[in-house]
Amino acid sequence: MKTKILAIAISLVTLVGCDEFLEKPPLDQLTDETYWISENNVRTFSWGFYTAYFGGYGSGYAWGKFFSGQSLNDDFAPTNPAQFRQNVPATFGSWSFAWVRKANIYLQRIQTVPMGEEAINHWSGVARFFRAMEYHDLVNQFGDVPWYDHELDENNEEDLYRPRDPRDFVMDRVLEDLQFAADNVRQEDGEPGLTVNRDVVLALMSRIMLYEGTWQKYHENNSEKAKTYLEAAKWAANELINTGNYSLGDYRTVFNSLNLAGNPEVILYRHYEPGLITHALNSYNNKEPQTGVSKDAVESYLASDGLPIGLSPLYQGDRGIDNVMANRDGRIYGTLVNDELRLNGVISYYSTSGYSTHKFLNEEIKDLPEGSSNLNYTDSPVLRFGEVLMNYAEAVAELATVGGPAMTQGDLDMSINVLRDRPGVNLPHLTLVGSEPGVNGVAYDDPERDPSVPSLIWEIRRERRIELMMEGFRLDDLKRWEKLEYTDTEENVDINRGAWIDKADYPNLQSSVTLSDGETGYIIPATAAASQRRFEDPKVYLDPLPLDQITLYQQHGVTLEQNPGWEQ
């Protein structure tokens, strides 16, 4: 039933874009004139946005945002690393305001539906929430973009070919939309975990405002704007934390469950159903060769005493999987296979780095047809409480650098230390020793720390990386921190290395497997010089505008400014 309703909703998104309607609407067809008659129809229309923004594990063979679908970062060690964009495209579908227009049409039509003020405000909040999400994506990709808060008239050329508005102007409007949504969207509407409610708004508000606050700090050097957005991120996360609606349980259960209904950590999820909508993530992890996690990522996990491996006496070194996995942050066991290396020639579903993914595998279906191909039906978390806790911690720490109050132990205890108290993690609390990170009252400083990053923020970023490993956040995080240099495989060699092995231990090892020291050493997945990924130009922090749009604007007497560094 939901599938049929969703199809109707998607068709209506297109329907309301038409400019011409029959004077007398057909009685047997949905039209713009006959549709907007009830709150139930308004609700149904909203489902068309879900497919655009809440993809989860994807569908069929299509990648979602999880695992290595987005591997341009320092977490993965592929044989052919994804490269930064090199050229200005002739055309580019992402420079589109179709979803903005649909949100604006939705918002306008809501006002005409015969329903009470509370319902109008709720659905207006939902519409503005989706508009904010779309503008967040557009701004992250292109920077300055034209802001539209009304239904675009296709015959109004002055409106159609407006110049770009400044990034901070647009994001101020996004903040207004999110705040309106937070003030008006219901907490209870529809099935819990499957529909947008106030908690969903707050969670996404904390993510979006954290992104923009740190972007303004690191890219624009605008402490005033950074403070505004970081305060909004902190507020939203704090509001959600204080609801008391969520708690943390087993880490892996969030990612490999056949049904996430009632999971106390999940704020929003995508439900899959055999024969209706399925994905291929379990198959990628269990039946096929996979892009492995990098040595750099594996070494970012703390030892079980809460210290970086470069400082902890508990760390056993990297000679063999047993040593790598001994005495570590418990999340490593929920994320990676901890009892074997999976090597090319030794096992068919090998990993490029030897380190293999365990996080998303459901053992109950792994040997069934539903565990193979594109028939997987494990539910996907879309929003979870663990991210919100990390958003709070980082927003507070960054606020202190732009004029906000200093981070307190109480801030850590209500965020990072809640994550460390998760069953199975088994890490001591992160403590403040003065303004420095510490464990058991003793300050420490990771010898691998980027010297440009303060120690406390370094540890918060580490915690975020571990908690959200393989969930599609890392590239966006590196972008907003202005740290894309971490992804350079020549400057950061450990992201092009995997497990340490001795070839003599693996007589069936594929001859193409290359090690750093000949017959022993670290696996080097990408061996060709031409395949190395180099970060050479900061212009790649934003995508270029497509040439056809620049030409089209010129034909209408408007100059569409290209992003810095992409001018030709």
Protein backbone atom coordinates (compact mmCIF):
# COMPACT_ATOMS: atom_id res chain seq x y z
CA MET A 1 0.00 0.00 0.00
CA LYS A 2 2.79 2.43 0.89
CA THR A 3 4.52 1.73 -2.41
CA LYS A 4 1.37 2.66 -4.36
CA ILE A 5 0.80 5.81 -2.34
CA LEU A 6 4.42 6.83 -2.78
CA ALA A 7 4.11 6.46 -6.54
CA ILE A 8 1.08 8.74 -6.48
CA ALA A 9 2.99 11.27 -4.40
CA ILE A 10 5.94 11.30 -6.79
CA SER A 11 3.64 11.80 -9.76
CA LEU A 12 2.00 14.70 -7.97
CA VAL A 13 5.36 16.40 -7.54
CA THR A 14 5.46 16.61 -11.32
CA LEU A 15 1.76 17.34 -11.63
CA VAL A 16 1.79 20.55 -9.61
CA GLY A 17 4.51 21.99 -11.82
CA CYS A 18 2.11 22.34 -14.76
CA ASP A 19 0.96 25.84 -15.68
CA GLU A 20 -2.18 24.95 -17.57
CA PHE A 21 -5.20 23.12 -16.20
CA LEU A 22 -8.55 22.23 -17.69
CA GLU A 23 -11.34 24.59 -16.73
CA LYS A 24 -13.29 21.59 -15.43
CA PRO A 25 -10.99 19.01 -13.83
CA PRO A 26 -11.54 15.38 -14.89
CA LEU A 27 -13.52 13.53 -12.24
CA ASP A 28 -11.44 10.36 -12.56
CA GLN A 29 -7.95 11.93 -12.34
CA LEU A 30 -5.93 13.72 -9.69
CA THR A 31 -5.13 17.31 -10.63
CA ASP A 32 -3.68 20.27 -8.82
CA GLU A 33 -7.18 21.70 -8.44
CA THR A 34 -8.74 18.56 -6.98
CA TYR A 35 -5.86 17.19 -4.87
CA TRP A 36 -5.42 19.76 -2.12
CA ILE A 37 -8.60 18.98 -0.22
CA SER A 38 -7.52 17.15 2.93
CA GLU A 39 -4.71 16.76 5.43
CA ASN A 40 -4.31 13.13 4.40
CA ASN A 41 -3.50 14.25 0.86
CA VAL A 42 -0.99 16.74 2.22
CA ARG A 43 0.66 13.93 4.17
CA THR A 44 0.75 11.67 1.12
CA PHE A 45 2.43 14.37 -0.96
CA SER A 46 5.25 14.67 1.60
CA TRP A 47 6.33 11.07 0.95
CA GLY A 48 7.69 12.08 -2.43
CA PHE A 49 10.49 13.95 -0.63
CA TYR A 50 11.52 10.89 1.39
CA THR A 51 13.00 9.10 -1.61
CA ALA A 52 15.16 12.15 -2.37
CA TYR A 53 16.62 12.66 1.10
CA PHE A 54 16.34 9.40 3.04
CA GLY A 55 17.98 6.82 0.78
CA GLY A 56 19.43 4.64 3.54
CA TYR A 57 21.17 1.60 2.09
CA GLY A 58 19.95 2.45 -1.40
CA SER A 59 17.79 0.07 -3.40
CA GLY A 60 18.61 -2.73 -5.79
CA TYR A 61 22.28 -2.46 -6.65
CA ALA A 62 22.39 1.32 -6.15
CA TRP A 63 24.70 2.58 -3.41
CA GLY A 64 23.28 4.43 -0.47
CA LYS A 65 25.48 6.64 1.69
CA PHE A 66 26.87 3.72 3.73
CA PHE A 67 29.97 1.53 3.42
CA SER A 68 32.25 2.47 0.50
CA GLY A 69 29.64 4.08 -1.73
CA GLN A 70 31.40 7.33 -0.88
CA SER A 71 35.05 6.29 -0.66
CA LEU A 72 36.78 9.58 -1.46
CA ASN A 73 38.14 9.96 2.05
CA ASP A 74 40.86 8.58 4.31
CA ASP A 75 38.82 5.70 5.72
CA PHE A 76 39.05 3.46 2.66
CA ALA A 77 41.98 1.99 0.73
CA PRO A 78 40.75 1.19 -2.81
CA THR A 79 42.87 -0.18 -5.64
CA ASN A 80 41.79 2.79 -7.78
CA PRO A 81 41.11 5.73 -5.48
CA ALA A 82 38.31 8.08 -6.44
CA GLN A 83 39.73 11.32 -7.80
CA PHE A 84 38.84 14.94 -7.29
CA ARG A 85 36.99 16.65 -10.10
CA GLN A 86 39.42 17.90 -12.72
CA ASN A 87 37.34 19.76 -15.31
CA VAL A 88 34.33 22.02 -15.57
CA PRO A 89 31.45 19.90 -16.87
CA ALA A 90 29.52 20.94 -19.96
CA THR A 91 26.30 20.08 -18.16
CA PHE A 92 25.62 19.06 -14.58
CA GLY A 93 22.28 17.85 -13.28
CA SER A 94 23.06 18.85 -9.70
CA TRP A 95 22.73 22.55 -10.57
CA SER A 96 18.97 22.26 -10.34
CA PHE A 97 16.32 23.93 -8.22
CA ALA A 98 13.57 21.44 -9.01
CA TRP A 99 13.28 20.21 -5.43
CA VAL A 100 13.33 23.79 -4.13
CA ARG A 101 10.46 24.56 -6.49
CA LYS A 102 8.55 21.48 -5.34
CA ALA A 103 9.01 22.44 -1.70
CA ASN A 104 7.81 25.98 -2.43
CA ILE A 105 4.77 24.69 -4.34
CA TYR A 106 4.05 22.33 -1.45
CA LEU A 107 4.33 25.16 1.07
CA GLN A 108 2.00 27.40 -0.96
CA ARG A 109 -0.63 24.70 -1.52
CA ILE A 110 -0.71 23.77 2.17
CA GLN A 111 -2.11 27.20 2.95
CA THR A 112 -5.19 26.48 0.81
CA VAL A 113 -6.17 23.15 2.39
CA PRO A 114 -9.21 23.19 4.69
CA MET A 115 -7.57 22.23 7.98
CA GLY A 116 -6.85 23.88 11.31
CA GLU A 117 -4.04 26.33 12.05
CA GLU A 118 -2.02 23.73 13.96
CA ALA A 119 -2.09 21.37 10.99
CA ILE A 120 -1.20 24.14 8.55
CA ASN A 121 1.76 25.12 10.72
CA HIS A 122 2.89 21.51 11.08
CA TRP A 123 2.88 20.81 7.35
CA SER A 124 4.36 24.20 6.57
CA GLY A 125 7.18 23.22 8.91
CA VAL A 126 7.62 19.93 7.05
CA ALA A 127 7.77 21.77 3.71
CA ARG A 128 10.26 24.31 5.02
CA PHE A 129 12.31 21.46 6.54
CA PHE A 130 12.67 19.82 3.12
CA ARG A 131 13.47 23.15 1.51
CA ALA A 132 16.22 23.67 4.11
CA MET A 133 17.65 20.23 3.39
CA GLU A 134 17.79 20.91 -0.34
CA TYR A 135 19.46 24.29 0.11
CA HIS A 136 21.97 22.75 2.51
CA ASP A 137 22.93 20.27 -0.22
CA LEU A 138 23.11 22.99 -2.88
CA VAL A 139 25.23 25.29 -0.74
CA ASN A 140 27.59 22.48 0.24
CA GLN A 141 28.13 21.68 -3.41
CA PHE A 142 28.22 25.12 -5.02
CA GLY A 143 28.51 27.78 -2.31
CA ASP A 144 26.51 30.83 -3.39
CA VAL A 145 23.15 29.93 -4.96
CA PRO A 146 19.99 31.92 -5.74
CA TRP A 147 17.45 31.79 -2.92
CA TYR A 148 13.84 31.11 -3.90
CA ASP A 149 11.08 31.24 -1.28
CA HIS A 150 8.15 31.14 -3.69
CA GLU A 151 6.82 29.11 -6.59
CA LEU A 152 8.92 29.96 -9.60
CA ASP A 153 7.01 31.30 -12.59
CA GLU A 154 8.47 29.72 -15.71
CA ASN A 155 7.66 32.88 -17.69
CA ASN A 156 9.39 35.26 -15.29
CA GLU A 157 12.88 35.48 -16.80
CA GLU A 158 14.11 37.97 -14.23
CA ASP A 159 13.35 35.40 -11.52
CA LEU A 160 14.56 32.44 -13.54
CA TYR A 161 17.98 33.96 -14.19
CA ARG A 162 18.66 35.65 -10.89
CA PRO A 163 22.30 35.99 -9.83
CA ARG A 164 23.59 33.85 -6.98
CA ASP A 165 22.87 35.00 -3.42
CA PRO A 166 25.72 34.99 -0.88
CA ARG A 167 26.19 31.73 1.00
CA ASP A 168 25.57 33.24 4.44
CA PHE A 169 22.36 34.95 3.24
CA VAL A 170 21.04 31.59 2.02
CA MET A 171 22.07 29.77 5.18
CA ASP A 172 20.41 32.43 7.33
CA ARG A 173 17.19 31.58 5.49
CA VAL A 174 17.87 27.87 6.01
CA LEU A 175 18.25 28.52 9.73
CA GLU A 176 14.91 30.37 9.73
CA ASP A 177 13.26 27.41 7.98
CA LEU A 178 14.71 24.91 10.43
CA GLN A 179 13.76 27.00 13.45
CA PHE A 180 10.19 27.34 12.15
CA ALA A 181 10.09 23.58 11.63
CA ALA A 182 11.46 22.92 15.13
CA ASP A 183 8.78 25.21 16.58
CA ASN A 184 5.85 23.80 14.62
CA VAL A 185 6.39 20.22 13.42
CA ARG A 186 4.54 17.71 15.57
CA GLN A 187 6.34 15.19 17.71
CA GLU A 188 3.69 12.57 16.97
CA ASP A 189 2.56 12.15 13.37
CA GLY A 190 2.41 8.84 11.60
CA GLU A 191 4.39 5.73 12.44
CA PRO A 192 7.34 6.38 14.83
CA GLY A 193 10.70 6.22 13.10
CA LEU A 194 9.25 6.31 9.59
CA THR A 195 7.97 9.88 9.29
CA VAL A 196 9.32 13.38 9.84
CA ASN A 197 8.58 14.65 13.33
CA ARG A 198 10.14 17.25 15.61
CA ASP A 199 12.97 14.91 16.63
CA VAL A 200 13.91 14.38 12.97
CA VAL A 201 13.96 18.14 12.44
CA LEU A 202 16.18 18.68 15.48
CA ALA A 203 18.61 15.95 14.45
CA LEU A 204 19.02 17.33 10.92
CA MET A 205 19.19 20.89 12.27
CA SER A 206 22.12 19.89 14.48
CA ARG A 207 23.89 18.30 11.48
CA ILE A 208 23.27 21.14 9.02
CA MET A 209 24.16 23.94 11.40
CA LEU A 210 27.31 22.15 12.60
CA TYR A 211 28.42 21.85 8.99
CA GLU A 212 27.80 25.50 8.24
CA GLY A 213 29.24 26.77 11.50
CA THR A 214 32.54 24.99 10.95
CA TRP A 215 32.58 25.97 7.26
CA GLN A 216 32.22 29.63 8.22
CA LYS A 217 35.02 29.29 10.75
CA TYR A 218 37.56 27.42 8.64
CA HIS A 219 36.80 28.63 5.11
CA GLU A 220 35.30 32.09 5.53
CA ASN A 221 37.07 33.17 8.75
CA ASN A 222 33.71 34.56 9.83
CA SER A 223 33.55 34.01 13.58
CA GLU A 224 30.25 35.87 13.93
CA LYS A 225 28.40 33.63 11.50
CA ALA A 226 30.18 30.56 12.81
CA LYS A 227 28.97 31.39 16.30
CA THR A 228 25.37 31.85 15.13
CA TYR A 229 25.22 28.51 13.35
CA LEU A 230 27.13 26.59 16.02
CA GLU A 231 24.78 27.92 18.68
CA ALA A 232 21.88 26.64 16.58
CA ALA A 233 23.55 23.23 16.24
CA LYS A 234 24.15 23.05 19.99
CA TRP A 235 20.59 24.13 20.75
CA ALA A 236 19.03 21.57 18.43
CA ALA A 237 21.18 18.69 19.70
CA ASN A 238 20.55 19.71 23.32
CA GLU A 239 16.80 19.86 22.73
CA LEU A 240 16.82 16.34 21.32
CA ILE A 241 19.08 14.95 24.05
CA ASN A 242 16.84 16.44 26.73
CA THR A 243 13.71 14.79 25.36
CA GLY A 244 14.93 11.56 26.92
CA ASN A 245 13.40 9.71 23.97
CA TYR A 246 16.60 7.89 22.96
CA SER A 247 19.28 5.67 24.43
CA LEU A 248 22.14 3.51 23.19
CA GLY A 249 22.25 -0.25 22.93
CA ASP A 250 24.37 -2.69 20.98
CA TYR A 251 26.31 -0.88 18.26
CA ARG A 252 25.92 -3.38 15.41
CA THR A 253 22.20 -3.92 15.97
CA VAL A 254 21.59 -0.46 14.55
CA PHE A 255 23.11 -1.51 11.21
CA ASN A 256 22.22 -5.17 10.70
CA SER A 257 18.68 -5.45 11.99
CA LEU A 258 15.83 -6.91 9.93
CA ASN A 259 13.49 -4.44 11.61
CA LEU A 260 14.52 -1.25 13.38
CA ALA A 261 11.05 -0.51 14.74
CA GLY A 262 11.42 0.31 18.42
CA ASN A 263 15.22 0.52 18.41
CA PRO A 264 15.90 3.10 21.16
CA GLU A 265 18.75 4.77 19.23
CA VAL A 266 17.02 5.20 15.88
CA ILE A 267 15.32 8.52 15.14
CA LEU A 268 14.43 7.76 11.52
CA TYR A 269 14.96 4.62 9.45
CA ARG A 270 14.21 3.14 6.04
CA HIS A 271 12.32 -0.11 6.15
CA TYR A 272 13.02 -2.83 3.58
CA GLU A 273 10.70 -5.68 2.70
CA PRO A 274 11.46 -8.89 0.78
CA GLY A 275 9.90 -8.82 -2.66
CA LEU A 276 9.08 -5.10 -2.43
CA ILE A 277 12.19 -3.04 -1.76
CA THR A 278 15.62 -4.52 -1.07
CA HIS A 279 19.30 -3.59 -1.30
CA ALA A 280 22.72 -5.18 -1.83
CA LEU A 281 24.76 -4.02 1.18
CA ASN A 282 24.95 -7.42 2.92
CA SER A 283 26.01 -8.98 -0.36
CA TYR A 284 28.79 -6.42 -0.85
CA ASN A 285 30.04 -7.26 2.64
CA ASN A 286 29.63 -11.03 2.58
CA LYS A 287 29.74 -12.40 -0.95
CA GLU A 288 31.98 -10.12 -3.01
CA PRO A 289 35.42 -8.49 -2.99
CA GLN A 290 35.25 -5.19 -1.15
CA THR A 291 37.09 -1.93 -0.71
CA GLY A 292 38.87 -2.33 2.61
CA VAL A 293 39.39 0.06 5.48
CA SER A 294 42.75 1.83 5.49
CA LYS A 295 45.59 1.34 7.96
CA ASP A 296 45.05 4.99 8.89
CA ALA A 297 41.44 4.32 9.86
CA VAL A 298 42.24 1.16 11.84
CA GLU A 299 44.92 2.99 13.80
CA SER A 300 42.53 5.79 14.74
CA TYR A 301 40.72 3.45 17.18
CA LEU A 302 41.86 4.00 20.76
CA ALA A 303 43.23 1.29 22.99
CA SER A 304 40.88 0.05 25.68
CA ASP A 305 42.56 2.30 28.27
CA GLY A 306 41.28 5.34 26.35
CA LEU A 307 44.69 6.31 24.98
CA PRO A 308 45.83 6.56 21.34
CA ILE A 309 47.79 3.50 20.24
CA GLY A 310 50.96 5.60 20.08
CA LEU A 311 50.72 6.17 23.84
CA SER A 312 49.01 3.08 25.23
CA PRO A 313 51.04 0.24 26.79
CA LEU A 314 48.10 -2.05 25.95
CA TYR A 315 48.54 -1.78 22.20
CA GLN A 316 50.02 -5.02 20.83
CA GLY A 317 51.16 -3.74 17.43
CA ASP A 318 50.01 -4.60 13.91
CA ARG A 319 51.74 -7.95 13.22
CA GLY A 320 48.70 -10.17 12.79
CA ILE A 321 44.99 -9.60 13.21
CA ASP A 322 44.99 -10.83 16.80
CA ASN A 323 47.49 -8.18 17.83
CA VAL A 324 45.69 -5.43 15.89
CA MET A 325 42.41 -6.23 17.61
CA ALA A 326 43.69 -6.79 21.12
CA ASN A 327 42.67 -4.27 23.78
CA ARG A 328 40.86 -1.79 21.53
CA ASP A 329 37.78 0.44 21.56
CA GLY A 330 34.89 -2.04 21.44
CA ARG A 331 33.43 -0.42 18.34
CA ILE A 332 36.26 -1.88 16.26
CA TYR A 333 34.81 -5.36 16.89
CA GLY A 334 31.40 -4.19 15.76
CA THR A 335 32.84 -2.61 12.63
CA LEU A 336 35.57 -4.92 11.31
CA VAL A 337 36.08 -8.68 11.10
CA ASN A 338 38.36 -9.31 14.07
CA ASP A 339 39.43 -12.93 13.68
CA GLU A 340 40.89 -13.11 10.17
CA LEU A 341 42.38 -11.11 7.31
CA ARG A 342 40.60 -11.59 4.00
CA LEU A 343 43.18 -11.63 1.25
CA ASN A 344 43.04 -11.83 -2.53
CA GLY A 345 43.71 -15.42 -3.59
CA VAL A 346 42.97 -16.77 -0.13
CA ILE A 347 39.25 -16.02 -0.03
CA SER A 348 36.83 -15.02 -2.79
CA TYR A 349 35.26 -12.15 -0.86
CA TYR A 350 38.59 -10.54 -0.06
CA SER A 351 39.25 -6.97 1.02
CA THR A 352 41.66 -4.65 -0.79
CA SER A 353 43.36 -3.89 2.54
CA GLY A 354 42.89 -7.27 4.22
CA TYR A 355 40.67 -5.60 6.83
CA SER A 356 37.07 -6.59 6.14
CA THR A 357 33.75 -5.06 7.13
CA HIS A 358 31.54 -6.67 9.77
CA LYS A 359 29.31 -3.71 10.70
CA PHE A 360 26.43 -4.29 8.26
CA LEU A 361 26.35 -8.08 8.06
CA ASN A 362 23.25 -9.91 9.28
CA GLU A 363 24.25 -13.47 10.11
CA GLU A 364 20.65 -14.68 10.07
CA ILE A 365 20.27 -14.13 6.32
CA LYS A 366 23.88 -14.21 5.10
CA ASP A 367 23.64 -17.76 3.68
CA LEU A 368 20.07 -17.39 2.41
CA PRO A 369 19.12 -16.03 -1.02
CA GLU A 370 18.06 -12.84 0.78
CA GLY A 371 21.68 -12.36 1.86
CA SER A 372 22.96 -12.39 -1.70
CA SER A 373 22.73 -10.21 -4.76
CA ASN A 374 20.31 -7.28 -4.37
CA LEU A 375 17.80 -9.16 -2.20
CA ASN A 376 18.99 -7.93 1.23
CA TYR A 377 16.30 -6.51 3.48
CA THR A 378 18.05 -5.31 6.61
CA ASP A 379 16.65 -1.94 7.71
CA SER A 380 18.79 1.15 7.33
CA PRO A 381 19.19 3.85 9.98
CA VAL A 382 18.73 7.30 8.45
CA LEU A 383 19.17 9.31 11.65
CA ARG A 384 20.47 7.95 14.93
CA PHE A 385 21.12 9.31 18.39
CA GLY A 386 24.85 8.57 18.28
CA GLU A 387 25.35 11.21 15.59
CA VAL A 388 23.38 13.80 17.56
CA LEU A 389 25.61 13.23 20.60
CA MET A 390 28.67 13.83 18.42
CA ASN A 391 27.09 16.93 16.86
CA TYR A 392 26.55 18.35 20.34
CA ALA A 393 30.12 17.69 21.49
CA GLU A 394 31.72 19.22 18.41
CA ALA A 395 29.41 22.24 18.34
CA VAL A 396 30.24 23.03 21.96
CA ALA A 397 34.00 22.62 21.44
CA GLU A 398 34.00 24.76 18.31
CA LEU A 399 31.80 27.42 19.91
CA ALA A 400 34.48 27.95 22.53
CA THR A 401 36.90 29.00 19.77
CA VAL A 402 34.60 31.68 18.33
CA GLY A 403 33.49 33.48 21.47
CA GLY A 404 31.19 30.93 23.10
CA PRO A 405 31.52 29.43 26.57
CA ALA A 406 34.28 26.93 27.29
CA MET A 407 33.48 23.25 27.08
CA THR A 408 32.80 21.66 30.45
CA GLN A 409 33.05 18.16 31.83
CA GLY A 410 29.27 18.18 31.90
CA ASP A 411 29.23 18.71 28.13
CA LEU A 412 31.47 15.67 27.63
CA ASP A 413 29.45 13.58 30.05
CA MET A 414 26.19 14.20 28.18
CA SER A 415 27.71 13.44 24.76
CA ILE A 416 30.95 11.54 24.17
CA ASN A 417 30.89 9.75 27.49
CA VAL A 418 27.37 8.50 26.79
CA LEU A 419 28.82 6.88 23.66
CA ARG A 420 31.65 5.38 25.69
CA ASP A 421 29.13 3.93 28.14
CA ARG A 422 27.41 2.06 25.31
CA PRO A 423 27.32 -1.70 26.05
CA GLY A 424 30.39 -3.33 24.55
CA VAL A 425 32.46 -0.18 23.97
CA ASN A 426 34.32 -0.45 27.28
CA LEU A 427 36.23 2.83 27.16
CA PRO A 428 37.00 5.06 30.14
CA HIS A 429 35.43 8.50 30.08
CA LEU A 430 37.08 11.38 28.27
CA THR A 431 37.89 14.00 30.88
CA LEU A 432 39.02 17.59 30.85
CA VAL A 433 42.35 18.36 32.47
CA GLY A 434 42.29 22.11 32.28
CA SER A 435 41.37 22.57 28.64
CA GLU A 436 43.15 19.41 27.45
CA PRO A 437 41.75 15.92 26.90
CA GLY A 438 42.54 13.33 29.52
CA VAL A 439 41.77 9.88 30.86
CA ASN A 440 41.45 9.21 34.59
CA GLY A 441 42.48 12.79 35.29
CA VAL A 442 45.72 12.62 33.29
CA ALA A 443 46.09 14.77 30.19
CA TYR A 444 47.49 13.31 26.97
CA ASP A 445 48.38 14.48 23.49
CA ASP A 446 48.25 12.07 20.56
CA PRO A 447 51.69 11.99 18.87
CA GLU A 448 49.86 11.61 15.51
CA ARG A 449 47.80 14.77 16.03
CA ASP A 450 47.68 17.31 13.24
CA PRO A 451 49.53 20.21 14.92
CA SER A 452 47.05 22.72 13.46
CA VAL A 453 44.19 21.09 15.39
CA PRO A 454 43.87 21.66 19.16
CA SER A 455 44.12 18.49 21.23
CA LEU A 456 40.54 18.52 22.50
CA ILE A 457 39.04 19.09 19.06
CA TRP A 458 41.37 16.39 17.67
CA GLU A 459 39.96 13.87 20.14
CA ILE A 460 36.37 14.90 19.42
CA ARG A 461 37.00 14.48 15.70
CA ARG A 462 38.52 11.06 16.37
CA GLU A 463 35.45 10.02 18.35
CA ARG A 464 33.22 11.20 15.50
CA ARG A 465 35.25 9.26 12.94
CA ILE A 466 34.99 6.04 14.95
CA GLU A 467 31.34 6.38 15.91
CA LEU A 468 30.25 7.16 12.33
CA MET A 469 32.71 4.90 10.49
CA MET A 470 31.48 3.95 6.97
CA GLU A 471 28.25 5.94 7.33
CA GLY A 472 29.00 8.49 4.64
CA PHE A 473 30.04 11.45 6.81
CA ARG A 474 33.80 11.49 6.44
CA LEU A 475 34.18 13.42 3.19
CA ASP A 476 31.78 16.14 4.33
CA ASP A 477 33.65 16.35 7.62
CA LEU A 478 37.01 16.80 5.90
CA LYS A 479 35.50 19.44 3.62
CA ARG A 480 34.04 21.56 6.40
CA TRP A 481 37.23 21.30 8.46
CA GLU A 482 39.28 22.33 5.39
CA LYS A 483 41.27 19.10 5.67
CA LEU A 484 41.01 17.46 2.25
CA GLU A 485 44.78 17.09 2.29
CA TYR A 486 44.20 14.05 4.54
CA THR A 487 42.91 12.22 1.43
CA ASP A 488 46.15 12.60 -0.55
CA THR A 489 47.56 9.09 -0.97
CA GLU A 490 51.12 10.36 -1.44
CA GLU A 491 51.19 12.75 1.50
CA ASN A 492 49.26 10.39 3.77
CA VAL A 493 50.67 7.00 2.82
CA ASP A 494 48.75 5.08 5.47
CA ILE A 495 45.48 5.62 3.63
CA ASN A 496 46.99 3.54 0.80
CA ARG A 497 48.05 0.76 3.14
CA GLY A 498 46.29 -2.14 4.73
CA ALA A 499 47.24 -4.97 7.05
CA TRP A 500 50.80 -6.14 7.63
CA ILE A 501 51.42 -9.67 6.35
CA ASP A 502 54.19 -12.11 5.53
CA LYS A 503 53.63 -13.70 2.10
CA ALA A 504 55.12 -16.96 3.39
CA ASP A 505 52.08 -17.33 5.64
CA TYR A 506 49.70 -17.26 2.67
CA PRO A 507 50.88 -19.63 -0.11
CA ASN A 508 47.71 -18.98 -2.18
CA LEU A 509 48.05 -15.20 -2.04
CA GLN A 510 47.33 -13.55 -5.37
CA SER A 511 50.64 -12.53 -7.00
CA SER A 512 49.26 -9.06 -7.71
CA VAL A 513 49.13 -8.27 -3.98
CA THR A 514 51.92 -5.76 -3.35
CA LEU A 515 53.56 -5.22 0.03
CA SER A 516 55.50 -2.23 1.28
CA ASP A 517 58.70 -4.21 1.93
CA GLY A 518 58.68 -6.91 -0.70
CA GLU A 519 57.87 -10.30 0.83
CA THR A 520 56.60 -8.76 4.05
CA GLY A 521 54.98 -5.47 4.91
CA TYR A 522 51.76 -3.56 4.57
CA ILE A 523 49.38 -4.28 1.71
CA ILE A 524 49.45 -1.44 -0.84
CA PRO A 525 46.10 -1.49 -2.67
CA ALA A 526 46.79 1.28 -5.22
CA THR A 527 50.20 0.62 -6.79
CA ALA A 528 50.17 2.60 -10.05
CA ALA A 529 51.54 6.14 -9.91
CA ALA A 530 48.78 7.33 -12.20
CA SER A 531 46.09 6.08 -9.81
CA GLN A 532 47.31 8.04 -6.78
CA ARG A 533 44.94 10.68 -5.46
CA ARG A 534 46.52 14.08 -4.99
CA PHE A 535 45.03 17.10 -3.31
CA GLU A 536 46.55 19.94 -5.30
CA ASP A 537 44.03 22.78 -5.51
CA PRO A 538 41.56 24.04 -2.88
CA LYS A 539 39.08 24.85 -5.65
CA VAL A 540 37.73 21.30 -5.21
CA TYR A 541 36.06 22.26 -1.94
CA LEU A 542 33.24 23.50 -4.19
CA ASP A 543 32.03 22.08 -7.47
CA PRO A 544 32.15 24.19 -10.63
CA LEU A 545 29.00 25.53 -12.23
CA PRO A 546 28.23 23.77 -15.54
CA LEU A 547 29.13 25.59 -18.72
CA ASP A 548 25.66 25.28 -20.23
CA GLN A 549 24.15 27.22 -17.32
CA ILE A 550 26.73 29.99 -17.59
CA THR A 551 25.99 30.25 -21.31
CA LEU A 552 22.23 30.18 -20.74
CA TYR A 553 22.44 33.02 -18.22
CA GLN A 554 24.60 35.04 -20.60
CA GLN A 555 21.98 34.64 -23.30
CA HIS A 556 19.54 36.33 -20.96
CA GLY A 557 21.89 39.17 -20.08
CA VAL A 558 23.00 37.83 -16.68
CA THR A 559 26.52 36.91 -15.60
CA LEU A 560 26.59 33.72 -13.59
CA GLU A 561 29.86 33.88 -11.67
CA GLN A 562 31.96 30.71 -11.73
CA ASN A 563 33.39 29.33 -8.48
CA PRO A 564 36.97 30.36 -7.63
CA GLY A 565 39.64 28.38 -9.43
CA TRP A 566 37.25 26.97 -12.02
CA GLU A 567 37.23 30.00 -14.30
CA GLN A 568 38.30 29.25 -17.86
